[in-house]
Amino acid sequence: MSRTCKYCGNVLADGDNFCQKCGAVADAVQDSAPGMAAQANQTANNNFNNQQVNSGYQGKTSGIAIGGFVCSLIGFWVAGIILGIVAISLGAAALNHMKTFPEEKGKGLAIAAIVIGIIDIVGAILVNAVISSLF
């Protein structure tokens, strides 16, 4: 008997601990009952649940991407290594989140956060190397 996620309707493989599509915990799944009526109910529930899950992100810019971008810009001037790591982490998390919710915007901000975060780290290392060689 296959299991489906009650939030997005994704069919779960045996042994999955969470839904690969929306990330719901495997406890939030329902067993698919055989029969045409059960299949019709499942399709209706899937459509309803997809609308509920996706409606929260439709057309919105990812807050995670915005946070990563802001950290990368601040890290460019202050605390480059620390904020660079935070910016890269937030940018990667935002990109991963957008794979699950493709209607969410902010992919450019997430990529910029990663690139500027790398520049922050490299720049901070170079500045520290130059300063330490002067003294």
Protein backbone atom coordinates (compact mmCIF):
# COMPACT_ATOMS: atom_id res chain seq x y z
CA MET A 1 0.00 0.00 0.00
CA SER A 2 1.57 3.32 -1.04
CA ARG A 3 1.62 6.39 1.14
CA THR A 4 0.95 9.96 0.05
CA CYS A 5 1.69 13.25 1.74
CA LYS A 6 -1.51 14.83 3.04
CA TYR A 7 -0.18 18.33 2.30
CA CYS A 8 0.99 18.06 -1.30
CA GLY A 9 -0.16 14.61 -2.45
CA ASN A 10 3.32 13.42 -3.36
CA VAL A 11 3.66 9.62 -3.36
CA LEU A 12 6.24 8.57 -0.78
CA ALA A 13 8.69 5.74 -1.27
CA ASP A 14 8.94 3.03 1.36
CA GLY A 15 11.19 4.16 4.19
CA ASP A 16 10.86 7.91 3.50
CA ASN A 17 10.92 9.88 6.73
CA PHE A 18 9.64 13.05 5.08
CA CYS A 19 8.04 14.18 1.85
CA GLN A 20 10.58 14.88 -0.89
CA LYS A 21 8.36 17.59 -2.40
CA CYS A 22 7.17 19.74 0.51
CA GLY A 23 9.25 18.46 3.43
CA ALA A 24 6.35 17.33 5.61
CA VAL A 25 7.21 14.76 8.28
CA ALA A 26 6.24 11.20 7.38
CA ASP A 27 3.77 11.20 10.28
CA ALA A 28 1.72 13.63 8.18
CA VAL A 29 0.98 11.05 5.51
CA GLN A 30 -2.05 8.97 4.71
CA ASP A 31 -2.24 5.46 3.35
CA SER A 32 -3.85 5.27 -0.05
CA ALA A 33 -6.94 3.10 0.04
CA PRO A 34 -7.62 1.02 -3.07
CA GLY A 35 -10.65 1.76 -5.23
CA MET A 36 -11.95 4.44 -7.55
CA ALA A 37 -13.69 6.46 -4.83
CA ALA A 38 -10.53 6.63 -2.77
CA GLN A 39 -8.55 7.68 -5.84
CA ALA A 40 -11.08 10.43 -6.64
CA ASN A 41 -10.96 11.67 -3.04
CA GLN A 42 -7.18 11.63 -3.11
CA THR A 43 -7.10 13.67 -6.33
CA ALA A 44 -9.51 16.23 -4.86
CA ASN A 45 -7.49 16.41 -1.65
CA ASN A 46 -4.24 16.77 -3.59
CA ASN A 47 -5.62 19.69 -5.59
CA PHE A 48 -6.92 21.38 -2.43
CA ASN A 49 -3.69 20.77 -0.50
CA ASN A 50 -1.52 21.98 -3.39
CA GLN A 51 -3.48 25.21 -3.44
CA GLN A 52 -3.02 25.65 0.32
CA VAL A 53 0.70 24.82 0.31
CA ASN A 54 1.58 26.92 -2.71
CA SER A 55 -0.62 29.93 -1.99
CA GLY A 56 1.67 31.21 0.75
CA TYR A 57 4.66 31.71 -1.57
CA GLN A 58 3.09 32.67 -4.87
CA GLY A 59 4.74 35.83 -6.18
CA LYS A 60 6.59 36.61 -2.95
CA THR A 61 10.33 37.20 -2.75
CA SER A 62 12.12 34.79 -0.46
CA GLY A 63 12.93 36.31 2.91
CA ILE A 64 15.85 33.91 3.22
CA ALA A 65 17.31 35.22 -0.05
CA ILE A 66 16.85 38.82 1.07
CA GLY A 67 18.55 38.06 4.41
CA GLY A 68 21.47 36.37 2.66
CA PHE A 69 21.90 39.29 0.29
CA VAL A 70 21.82 41.84 3.11
CA CYS A 71 24.38 39.81 5.11
CA SER A 72 26.65 39.62 2.08
CA LEU A 73 26.52 43.39 1.57
CA ILE A 74 27.20 44.14 5.23
CA GLY A 75 29.93 41.49 5.24
CA PHE A 76 31.58 43.29 2.36
CA TRP A 77 32.40 46.13 4.75
CA VAL A 78 32.31 44.56 8.23
CA ALA A 79 33.07 41.05 9.55
CA GLY A 80 33.60 39.58 6.09
CA ILE A 81 34.39 36.01 7.08
CA ILE A 82 31.51 35.55 9.50
CA LEU A 83 28.84 37.32 7.44
CA GLY A 84 30.21 35.77 4.26
CA ILE A 85 29.60 32.30 5.68
CA VAL A 86 26.12 33.35 6.83
CA ALA A 87 25.35 34.84 3.39
CA ILE A 88 26.48 31.69 1.56
CA SER A 89 24.43 29.51 3.90
CA LEU A 90 21.29 31.63 3.54
CA GLY A 91 21.69 31.88 -0.24
CA ALA A 92 22.03 28.10 -0.55
CA ALA A 93 19.05 27.54 1.76
CA ALA A 94 16.95 29.96 -0.31
CA LEU A 95 17.84 28.18 -3.56
CA ASN A 96 16.98 24.83 -2.00
CA HIS A 97 13.65 26.22 -0.74
CA MET A 98 12.84 27.56 -4.20
CA LYS A 99 13.24 24.06 -5.65
CA THR A 100 10.34 22.94 -3.46
CA PHE A 101 8.30 26.12 -4.07
CA PRO A 102 9.18 27.26 -7.63
CA GLU A 103 6.60 30.07 -7.58
CA GLU A 104 8.66 31.90 -4.94
CA LYS A 105 10.85 34.71 -6.30
CA GLY A 106 14.36 35.78 -5.33
CA LYS A 107 16.66 33.36 -7.16
CA GLY A 108 18.88 36.25 -8.30
CA LEU A 109 19.20 37.55 -4.74
CA ALA A 110 20.12 34.07 -3.49
CA ILE A 111 22.81 33.65 -6.16
CA ALA A 112 24.13 37.17 -5.47
CA ALA A 113 24.29 36.35 -1.74
CA ILE A 114 26.42 33.29 -2.48
CA VAL A 115 28.76 35.13 -4.89
CA ILE A 116 29.19 38.21 -2.69
CA GLY A 117 29.58 35.96 0.37
CA ILE A 118 32.51 34.22 -1.34
CA ILE A 119 33.98 37.63 -2.23
CA ASP A 120 33.55 38.66 1.43
CA ILE A 121 35.51 35.66 2.68
CA VAL A 122 38.30 35.92 0.10
CA GLY A 123 38.55 39.67 0.60
CA ALA A 124 38.76 39.35 4.38
CA ILE A 125 41.50 36.73 4.08
CA LEU A 126 43.47 38.92 1.66
CA VAL A 127 43.10 42.02 3.86
CA ASN A 128 44.27 40.03 6.89
CA ALA A 129 47.24 38.70 4.92
CA VAL A 130 48.25 42.19 3.75
CA ILE A 131 47.86 43.69 7.22
CA SER A 132 49.85 40.89 8.87
CA SER A 133 52.65 41.22 6.30
CA LEU A 134 52.96 44.96 7.02
CA PHE A 135 53.56 44.43 10.70
